[in-house]
C-alpha atoms as a PDB file:
ATOM      1  CA  MET A   1       0.018   0.212  -0.271  1.00  0.00           C
ATOM      2  CA  ALA A   2       2.576   2.512   0.855  1.00  0.00           C
ATOM      3  CA  LYS A   3       4.656   2.111  -2.325  1.00  0.00           C
ATOM      4  CA  GLU A   4       1.225   2.992  -4.450  1.00  0.00           C
ATOM      5  CA  LEU A   5       0.183   5.919  -2.209  1.00  0.00           C
ATOM      6  CA  PHE A   6       3.739   7.245  -2.447  1.00  0.00           C
ATOM      7  CA  GLU A   7       3.936   6.809  -6.375  1.00  0.00           C
ATOM      8  CA  ASN A   8       0.618   8.550  -6.654  1.00  0.00           C
ATOM      9  CA  TYR A   9       1.567  11.487  -4.895  1.00  0.00           C
ATOM     10  CA  ILE A  10       5.135  11.349  -6.737  1.00  0.00           C
ATOM     11  CA  LYS A  11       3.131  11.116  -9.690  1.00  0.00           C
ATOM     12  CA  ALA A  12       0.723  14.234  -8.839  1.00  0.00           C
ATOM     13  CA  VAL A  13       3.616  16.247  -7.746  1.00  0.00           C
ATOM     14  CA  THR A  14       5.533  15.929 -11.133  1.00  0.00           C
ATOM     15  CA  SER A  15       2.847  16.222 -13.387  1.00  0.00           C
ATOM     16  CA  HIS A  16       3.034  20.264 -12.378  1.00  0.00           C
ATOM     17  CA  VAL A  17       6.589  20.214 -13.498  1.00  0.00           C
ATOM     18  CA  LYS A  18       6.503  21.171 -17.386  1.00  0.00           C
ATOM     19  CA  PHE A  19      10.377  20.680 -17.804  1.00  0.00           C
ATOM     20  CA  ARG A  20       9.806  16.818 -18.491  1.00  0.00           C
ATOM     21  CA  PHE A  21      13.197  15.999 -18.336  1.00  0.00           C
ATOM     22  CA  ASP A  22      13.604  17.274 -14.338  1.00  0.00           C
ATOM     23  CA  ARG A  23      10.662  14.965 -13.589  1.00  0.00           C
ATOM     24  CA  TYR A  24      12.374  11.817 -13.066  1.00  0.00           C
ATOM     25  CA  ASP A  25      15.078  13.340 -10.743  1.00  0.00           C
ATOM     26  CA  ILE A  26      12.249  14.777  -8.803  1.00  0.00           C
ATOM     27  CA  GLY A  27      10.765  12.013  -8.728  1.00  0.00           C
ATOM     28  CA  GLN A  28      13.459   9.938  -7.034  1.00  0.00           C
ATOM     29  CA  GLU A  29      14.473  12.641  -4.592  1.00  0.00           C
ATOM     30  CA  LEU A  30      10.787  12.982  -3.172  1.00  0.00           C
ATOM     31  CA  ARG A  31      10.917   8.757  -3.144  1.00  0.00           C
ATOM     32  CA  GLU A  32      13.936   9.163  -1.003  1.00  0.00           C
ATOM     33  CA  HIS A  33      12.556  11.126   1.348  1.00  0.00           C
ATOM     34  CA  MET A  34       9.257   9.749   1.775  1.00  0.00           C
ATOM     35  CA  GLU A  35      10.799   6.244   2.234  1.00  0.00           C
ATOM     36  CA  ASP A  36      13.335   7.221   4.935  1.00  0.00           C
ATOM     37  CA  LEU A  37      10.330   9.225   6.631  1.00  0.00           C
ATOM     38  CA  TYR A  38       8.307   6.085   6.345  1.00  0.00           C
ATOM     39  CA  GLU A  39      11.101   3.970   7.931  1.00  0.00           C
ATOM     40  CA  ASP A  40      11.226   6.360  10.286  1.00  0.00           C
ATOM     41  CA  LEU A  41       7.930   6.253  11.764  1.00  0.00           C
ATOM     42  CA  LEU A  42       7.631   2.525  11.299  1.00  0.00           C
ATOM     43  CA  SER A  43      10.234   2.368  13.916  1.00  0.00           C
ATOM     44  CA  GLN A  44       8.161   4.200  16.294  1.00  0.00           C
ATOM     45  CA  ASP A  45       5.683   1.618  15.959  1.00  0.00           C
ATOM     46  CA  ILE A  46       2.878   2.764  13.956  1.00  0.00           C
ATOM     47  CA  ASP A  47       1.140   0.595  11.788  1.00  0.00           C
ATOM     48  CA  GLU A  48       2.317   0.578   8.232  1.00  0.00           C
ATOM     49  CA  GLU A  49      -1.196   2.056   6.757  1.00  0.00           C
ATOM     50  CA  GLN A  50      -0.926   4.847   9.233  1.00  0.00           C
ATOM     51  CA  ALA A  51       2.598   5.318   8.569  1.00  0.00           C
ATOM     52  CA  ALA A  52       2.126   5.739   4.919  1.00  0.00           C
ATOM     53  CA  GLN A  53      -0.608   8.294   5.108  1.00  0.00           C
ATOM     54  CA  LEU A  54       1.333  10.530   7.742  1.00  0.00           C
ATOM     55  CA  THR A  55       4.484   9.926   5.235  1.00  0.00           C
ATOM     56  CA  VAL A  56       1.965  11.872   2.561  1.00  0.00           C
ATOM     57  CA  ASP A  57       0.543  14.169   4.922  1.00  0.00           C
ATOM     58  CA  TYR A  58       4.026  15.796   6.178  1.00  0.00           C
ATOM     59  CA  MET A  59       5.211  16.239   2.812  1.00  0.00           C
ATOM     60  CA  GLY A  60       2.386  18.682   1.729  1.00  0.00           C
ATOM     61  CA  ASP A  61      -0.244  19.472  -1.243  1.00  0.00           C
ATOM     62  CA  SER A  62       1.029  17.750  -4.350  1.00  0.00           C
ATOM     63  CA  GLU A  63      -0.256  20.606  -6.579  1.00  0.00           C
ATOM     64  CA  GLU A  64       1.254  23.845  -4.477  1.00  0.00           C
ATOM     65  CA  LEU A  65       4.818  21.536  -4.098  1.00  0.00           C
ATOM     66  CA  GLY A  66       4.675  20.443  -8.017  1.00  0.00           C
ATOM     67  CA  LYS A  67       3.824  24.019  -8.393  1.00  0.00           C
ATOM     68  CA  GLU A  68       6.754  25.236  -6.481  1.00  0.00           C
ATOM     69  CA  LEU A  69       9.098  22.644  -7.996  1.00  0.00           C
ATOM     70  CA  ASN A  70       7.928  23.641 -11.972  1.00  0.00           C
ATOM     71  CA  GLU A  71       9.441  27.374 -10.641  1.00  0.00           C
ATOM     72  CA  ALA A  72      12.427  25.992  -9.554  1.00  0.00           C
ATOM     73  CA  HIS A  73      12.674  24.074 -12.653  1.00  0.00           C
ATOM     74  CA  ASN A  74      11.853  26.415 -15.392  1.00  0.00           C
ATOM     75  CA  PRO A  75      14.339  25.630 -18.302  1.00  0.00           C
ATOM     76  CA  VAL A  76      14.020  28.546 -20.390  1.00  0.00           C
ATOM     77  CA  LEU A  77      15.034  31.489 -17.212  1.00  0.00           C
ATOM     78  CA  GLY A  78      17.307  29.102 -15.780  1.00  0.00           C
ATOM     79  CA  TYR A  79      19.726  28.562 -19.185  1.00  0.00           C
ATOM     80  CA  VAL A  80      19.477  32.423 -19.889  1.00  0.00           C
ATOM     81  CA  TRP A  81      20.395  33.274 -16.503  1.00  0.00           C
ATOM     82  CA  LEU A  82      23.403  30.444 -16.344  1.00  0.00           C
ATOM     83  CA  TRP A  83      24.876  31.838 -19.982  1.00  0.00           C
ATOM     84  CA  VAL A  84      24.501  35.255 -19.258  1.00  0.00           C
ATOM     85  CA  ARG A  85      26.228  34.797 -16.142  1.00  0.00           C
ATOM     86  CA  ARG A  86      29.121  32.979 -17.812  1.00  0.00           C
ATOM     87  CA  MET A  87      29.423  35.401 -20.011  1.00  0.00           C
ATOM     88  CA  PHE A  88      30.451  37.745 -17.818  1.00  0.00           C
ATOM     89  CA  ILE A  89      32.720  35.633 -15.849  1.00  0.00           C
ATOM     90  CA  LEU A  90      34.584  34.713 -19.643  1.00  0.00           C
ATOM     91  CA  ILE A  91      34.778  38.611 -20.102  1.00  0.00           C
ATOM     92  CA  PHE A  92      36.467  38.608 -16.338  1.00  0.00           C
ATOM     93  CA  ILE A  93      38.741  35.969 -17.259  1.00  0.00           C
ATOM     94  CA  PHE A  94      39.790  37.730 -20.663  1.00  0.00           C
ATOM     95  CA  PHE A  95      40.787  40.512 -18.906  1.00  0.00           C
ATOM     96  CA  GLY A  96      42.755  38.742 -16.133  1.00  0.00           C
ATOM     97  CA  LEU A  97      44.884  36.393 -18.697  1.00  0.00           C
ATOM     98  CA  PRO A  98      47.742  38.242 -18.603  1.00  0.00           C
ATOM     99  CA  THR A  99      48.119  37.689 -14.664  1.00  0.00           C
ATOM    100  CA  VAL A 100      47.707  34.150 -15.555  1.00  0.00           C
ATOM    101  CA  PHE A 101      51.767  33.961 -17.078  1.00  0.00           C
ATOM    102  CA  MET A 102      52.763  36.615 -13.904  1.00  0.00           C
ATOM    103  CA  GLY A 103      51.356  34.509 -11.090  1.00  0.00           C
ATOM    104  CA  GLY A 104      49.787  31.471 -12.175  1.00  0.00           C
ATOM    105  CA  CYS A 105      46.178  30.439 -12.117  1.00  0.00           C
ATOM    106  CA  ASP A 106      45.419  33.255  -9.713  1.00  0.00           C
ATOM    107  CA  ALA A 107      43.603  35.175 -12.682  1.00  0.00           C
ATOM    108  CA  LEU A 108      41.300  32.880 -13.262  1.00  0.00           C
ATOM    109  CA  THR A 109      40.013  32.645  -9.788  1.00  0.00           C
ATOM    110  CA  THR A 110      40.137  36.457  -9.566  1.00  0.00           C
ATOM    111  CA  GLY A 111      38.068  36.721 -12.471  1.00  0.00           C
ATOM    112  CA  TYR A 112      35.452  34.406 -11.246  1.00  0.00           C
ATOM    113  CA  ASP A 113      35.043  36.046  -7.673  1.00  0.00           C
ATOM    114  CA  MET A 114      34.670  39.091  -9.416  1.00  0.00           C
ATOM    115  CA  ALA A 115      31.942  38.417 -11.528  1.00  0.00           C
ATOM    116  CA  GLU A 116      30.408  36.546  -8.796  1.00  0.00           C
ATOM    117  CA  THR A 117      30.565  39.623  -6.533  1.00  0.00           C
ATOM    118  CA  PHE A 118      29.157  41.585  -8.955  1.00  0.00           C
ATOM    119  CA  PHE A 119      25.842  39.379  -9.465  1.00  0.00           C
ATOM    120  CA  MET A 120      25.373  39.294  -5.542  1.00  0.00           C
ATOM    121  CA  ASP A 121      25.636  43.083  -5.306  1.00  0.00           C
ATOM    122  CA  LEU A 122      22.838  43.069  -7.733  1.00  0.00           C
ATOM    123  CA  GLN A 123      20.649  41.029  -5.570  1.00  0.00           C
ATOM    124  CA  LYS A 124      20.721  42.868  -1.996  1.00  0.00           C
ATOM    125  CA  GLU A 125      18.154  43.655  -0.511  1.00  0.00           C
ATOM    126  CA  ASP A 126      17.327  46.414   1.607  1.00  0.00           C
ATOM    127  CA  ASP A 127      15.567  44.809   5.125  1.00  0.00           C
ATOM    128  CA  VAL A 128      18.523  42.777   5.767  1.00  0.00           C
ATOM    129  CA  VAL A 129      19.668  43.288   9.282  1.00  0.00           C
ATOM    130  CA  TYR A 130      23.059  41.457   9.531  1.00  0.00           C
ATOM    131  CA  THR A 131      24.616  38.555   7.259  1.00  0.00           C
ATOM    132  CA  VAL A 132      27.174  36.325   8.125  1.00  0.00           C
ATOM    133  CA  ASP A 133      29.484  34.350   5.728  1.00  0.00           C
ATOM    134  CA  VAL A 134      29.590  30.476   7.137  1.00  0.00           C
ATOM    135  CA  ASN A 135      31.487  28.708   4.730  1.00  0.00           C
ATOM    136  CA  GLN A 136      31.242  25.283   6.772  1.00  0.00           C
ATOM    137  CA  LYS A 137      30.397  21.998   5.000  1.00  0.00           C
ATOM    138  CA  ALA A 138      29.837  18.644   5.911  1.00  0.00           C
ATOM    139  CA  LYS A 139      30.058  15.278   3.984  1.00  0.00           C
ATOM    140  CA  ILE A 140      26.866  12.870   3.248  1.00  0.00           C
ATOM    141  CA  ASP A 141      27.574   9.552   1.761  1.00  0.00           C
ATOM    142  CA  ASN A 142      29.442  11.171  -1.581  1.00  0.00           C
ATOM    143  CA  THR A 143      27.809  14.333  -1.239  1.00  0.00           C
ATOM    144  CA  VAL A 144      29.284  17.600   0.214  1.00  0.00           C
ATOM    145  CA  PHE A 145      26.855  20.044   1.680  1.00  0.00           C
ATOM    146  CA  SER A 146      28.227  23.656   2.126  1.00  0.00           C
ATOM    147  CA  VAL A 147      26.556  26.314   3.993  1.00  0.00           C
ATOM    148  CA  LYS A 148      27.594  29.718   2.626  1.00  0.00           C
ATOM    149  CA  LYS A 149      25.731  32.587   3.762  1.00  0.00           C
ATOM    150  CA  LEU A 150      23.133  33.236   6.929  1.00  0.00           C
ATOM    151  CA  LYS A 151      21.231  36.707   6.571  1.00  0.00           C
ATOM    152  CA  TYR A 152      18.608  37.752   9.379  1.00  0.00           C
ATOM    153  CA  HIS A 153      15.668  39.503   7.920  1.00  0.00           C
ATOM    154  CA  GLU A 154      13.807  42.519   9.481  1.00  0.00           C
ATOM    155  CA  ASP A 155      10.481  40.616   9.697  1.00  0.00           C
ATOM    156  CA  GLY A 156      12.168  37.550  11.671  1.00  0.00           C
ATOM    157  CA  THR A 157      12.900  35.125   8.973  1.00  0.00           C
ATOM    158  CA  LEU A 158      16.379  33.187   8.561  1.00  0.00           C
ATOM    159  CA  GLU A 159      17.446  32.617   5.263  1.00  0.00           C
ATOM    160  CA  ILE A 160      19.911  29.885   4.956  1.00  0.00           C
ATOM    161  CA  ARG A 161      22.174  29.619   1.725  1.00  0.00           C
ATOM    162  CA  TYR A 162      23.595  26.923   0.819  1.00  0.00           C
ATOM    163  CA  LEU A 163      24.408  24.013  -1.912  1.00  0.00           C
ATOM    164  CA  SER A 164      25.627  20.595  -2.477  1.00  0.00           C
ATOM    165  CA  TYR A 165      27.403  18.399  -4.783  1.00  0.00           C
ATOM    166  CA  GLY A 166      29.366  15.352  -5.390  1.00  0.00           C
ATOM    167  CA  LEU A 167      33.045  14.266  -4.855  1.00  0.00           C
ATOM    168  CA  PRO A 168      35.410  13.905  -7.322  1.00  0.00           C
ATOM    169  CA  PHE A 169      35.121  10.258  -9.185  1.00  0.00           C
ATOM    170  CA  THR A 170      32.298   9.415  -7.425  1.00  0.00           C
ATOM    171  CA  GLU A 171      28.496   8.708  -8.930  1.00  0.00           C
ATOM    172  CA  LYS A 172      27.204  12.115 -10.006  1.00  0.00           C
ATOM    173  CA  ILE A 173      24.367  13.568  -7.823  1.00  0.00           C
ATOM    174  CA  LEU A 174      21.225  13.965  -9.800  1.00  0.00           C
ATOM    175  CA  PHE A 175      19.544  16.204  -7.026  1.00  0.00           C
ATOM    176  CA  PRO A 176      20.973  18.135  -4.402  1.00  0.00           C
ATOM    177  CA  PHE A 177      20.942  17.388  -0.767  1.00  0.00           C
ATOM    178  CA  SER A 178      18.988  19.598   0.662  1.00  0.00           C
ATOM    179  CA  LEU A 179      17.812  21.000   4.344  1.00  0.00           C
ATOM    180  CA  TYR A 180      14.421  19.096   4.151  1.00  0.00           C
ATOM    181  CA  GLY A 181      14.568  16.887   7.237  1.00  0.00           C
ATOM    182  CA  CYS A 182      17.298  18.924   9.007  1.00  0.00           C
ATOM    183  CA  GLU A 183      16.621  20.509  11.845  1.00  0.00           C
ATOM    184  CA  VAL A 184      17.427  24.401  12.528  1.00  0.00           C
ATOM    185  CA  SER A 185      17.861  25.627  16.440  1.00  0.00           C
ATOM    186  CA  ASN A 186      19.402  28.589  18.454  1.00  0.00           C
ATOM    187  CA  GLY A 187      20.289  25.889  20.760  1.00  0.00           C
ATOM    188  CA  ALA A 188      17.865  27.622  23.314  1.00  0.00           C
ATOM    189  CA  ASP A 189      13.873  27.943  22.633  1.00  0.00           C
ATOM    190  CA  TYR A 190      13.770  27.485  19.071  1.00  0.00           C
ATOM    191  CA  MET A 191      13.824  24.229  17.186  1.00  0.00           C
ATOM    192  CA  LYS A 192      12.331  24.220  13.683  1.00  0.00           C
ATOM    193  CA  LYS A 193      12.358  20.673  11.393  1.00  0.00           C
ATOM    194  CA  VAL A 194      12.760  21.548   8.038  1.00  0.00           C
ATOM    195  CA  GLY A 195      10.027  19.935   5.285  1.00  0.00           C
ATOM    196  CA  LEU A 196       9.982  20.239   1.491  1.00  0.00           C
ATOM    197  CA  GLY A 197       7.229  23.184   2.218  1.00  0.00           C
ATOM    198  CA  ALA A 198       9.477  25.593   3.588  1.00  0.00           C
ATOM    199  CA  LYS A 199       9.792  28.506   1.027  1.00  0.00           C
ATOM    200  CA  ASN A 200      13.308  28.123  -1.398  1.00  0.00           C
ATOM    201  CA  THR A 201      14.798  30.570  -3.870  1.00  0.00           C
ATOM    202  CA  TYR A 202      17.407  28.841  -6.434  1.00  0.00           C
ATOM    203  CA  HIS A 203      20.105  31.059  -7.692  1.00  0.00           C
ATOM    204  CA  VAL A 204      22.593  30.407 -10.368  1.00  0.00           C
ATOM    205  CA  GLN A 205      26.384  30.452  -9.440  1.00  0.00           C
ATOM    206  CA  GLY A 206      28.164  30.405 -12.034  1.00  0.00           C
ATOM    207  CA  LEU A 207      28.306  26.550 -12.860  1.00  0.00           C
ATOM    208  CA  TYR A 208      25.879  25.388 -10.222  1.00  0.00           C
ATOM    209  CA  TRP A 209      22.758  26.072  -8.041  1.00  0.00           C
ATOM    210  CA  ASP A 210      22.839  27.177  -4.663  1.00  0.00           C
ATOM    211  CA  ILE A 211      19.383  27.190  -2.429  1.00  0.00           C
ATOM    212  CA  SER A 212      17.973  29.812   0.289  1.00  0.00           C
ATOM    213  CA  THR A 213      15.732  28.442   2.385  1.00  0.00           C
ATOM    214  CA  TYR A 214      13.346  30.767   4.697  1.00  0.00           C
ATOM    215  CA  LEU A 215      12.973  30.057   8.304  1.00  0.00           C
ATOM    216  CA  GLU A 216      10.135  32.193  10.099  1.00  0.00           C
ATOM    217  CA  ASP A 217      10.164  33.620  13.608  1.00  0.00           C
ATOM    218  CA  PHE A 218      13.795  32.900  14.418  1.00  0.00           C
ATOM    219  CA  PRO A 219      14.612  34.916  17.441  1.00  0.00           C
ATOM    220  CA  ALA A 220      16.517  38.246  16.925  1.00  0.00           C
ATOM    221  CA  ASP A 221      18.671  37.441  20.149  1.00  0.00           C
ATOM    222  CA  SER A 222      20.048  33.891  19.068  1.00  0.00           C
ATOM    223  CA  LYS A 223      23.356  33.490  19.998  1.00  0.00           C
ATOM    224  CA  TRP A 224      23.752  30.359  17.622  1.00  0.00           C
ATOM    225  CA  CYS A 225      22.270  28.734  14.548  1.00  0.00           C
ATOM    226  CA  ASN A 226      22.718  25.096  14.916  1.00  0.00           C
ATOM    227  CA  ILE A 227      22.140  22.674  11.399  1.00  0.00           C
ATOM    228  CA  ILE A 228      21.307  19.171  12.733  1.00  0.00           C
ATOM    229  CA  TYR A 229      20.540  16.241  10.182  1.00  0.00           C
ATOM    230  CA  GLU A 230      20.199  12.751  12.162  1.00  0.00           C
ATOM    231  CA  ASN A 231      19.585  10.047   9.415  1.00  0.00           C
ATOM    232  CA  GLY A 232      20.958   6.880  11.440  1.00  0.00           C
ATOM    233  CA  GLU A 233      24.940   6.863  10.964  1.00  0.00           C
ATOM    234  CA  ARG A 234      24.204   9.564   8.195  1.00  0.00           C
ATOM    235  CA  SER A 235      24.246  12.461  10.687  1.00  0.00           C
ATOM    236  CA  PHE A 236      26.210  16.060  10.804  1.00  0.00           C
ATOM    237  CA  THR A 237      25.864  19.149  12.932  1.00  0.00           C
ATOM    238  CA  ILE A 238      26.859  22.539  11.663  1.00  0.00           C
ATOM    239  CA  GLU A 239      26.754  25.270  14.660  1.00  0.00           C
ATOM    240  CA  ILE A 240      27.221  28.826  13.204  1.00  0.00           C
ATOM    241  CA  PRO A 241      27.791  31.742  15.789  1.00  0.00           C
ATOM    242  CA  LEU A 242      25.454  34.634  15.302  1.00  0.00           C
ATOM    243  CA  PRO A 243      26.814  38.346  15.838  1.00  0.00           C
ATOM    244  CA  GLN A 244      25.517  40.042  19.298  1.00  0.00           C
ATOM    245  CA  LYS A 245      24.435  43.410  19.987  1.00  0.00           C
ATOM    246  CA  GLU A 246      26.985  45.477  21.922  1.00  0.00           C
ATOM    247  CA  GLY A 247      27.066  44.820  25.231  1.00  0.00           C
ATOM    248  CA  GLU A 248      25.897  41.558  25.127  1.00  0.00           C
ATOM    249  CA  ALA A 249      28.009  38.229  26.377  1.00  0.00           C
END
């Protein structure tokens, strides 16, 4: 019963994704998440039928999720933005090429970083209270999960910007590791498990995608942001110190 229920849900979700080449990969990722959650519920002595239904309920409305995924996997906007960015990166690299002969490959890195900074500056928000450059990584199987940046917004929303990628010489990942299933806490009175219904924004960063996930009502006086993932032996914790007001310990 569980398998049939899951497949019907996945089919309903992916039917809203217009870029059909992404449907298989999205389905695989959804299937893995649902099976993990289902097994977790069974381990809590919940019967199979109830566990299967709870898994589907936890995933959220299939139409709503499907429309969100369709927006994230828009092929036209994605490819246009990707190639425009690559064009600017190549321009920076071209003008930095003389430095290659003087200082090795630094010009390539410098050119790429300049291009990335240029595009990041275009996306600055006026409501950001503070920004934390994180650059912490965790390894899950053959995948690296890298938290790049935190932004705290005036309305109490915490934005976690991250990416994931496969390690060299390993099987290519078709869908990145996401915050889904992770718990985010401030080490005190805030704890939230991130579900697939969380608001996300997808960004093209040169040759890869990165993702911003937004968590509402994160306490403004928090001293830490802890990202915790536990799934048997597959687990990690990333602890990120947050800025404090002057005079606070």
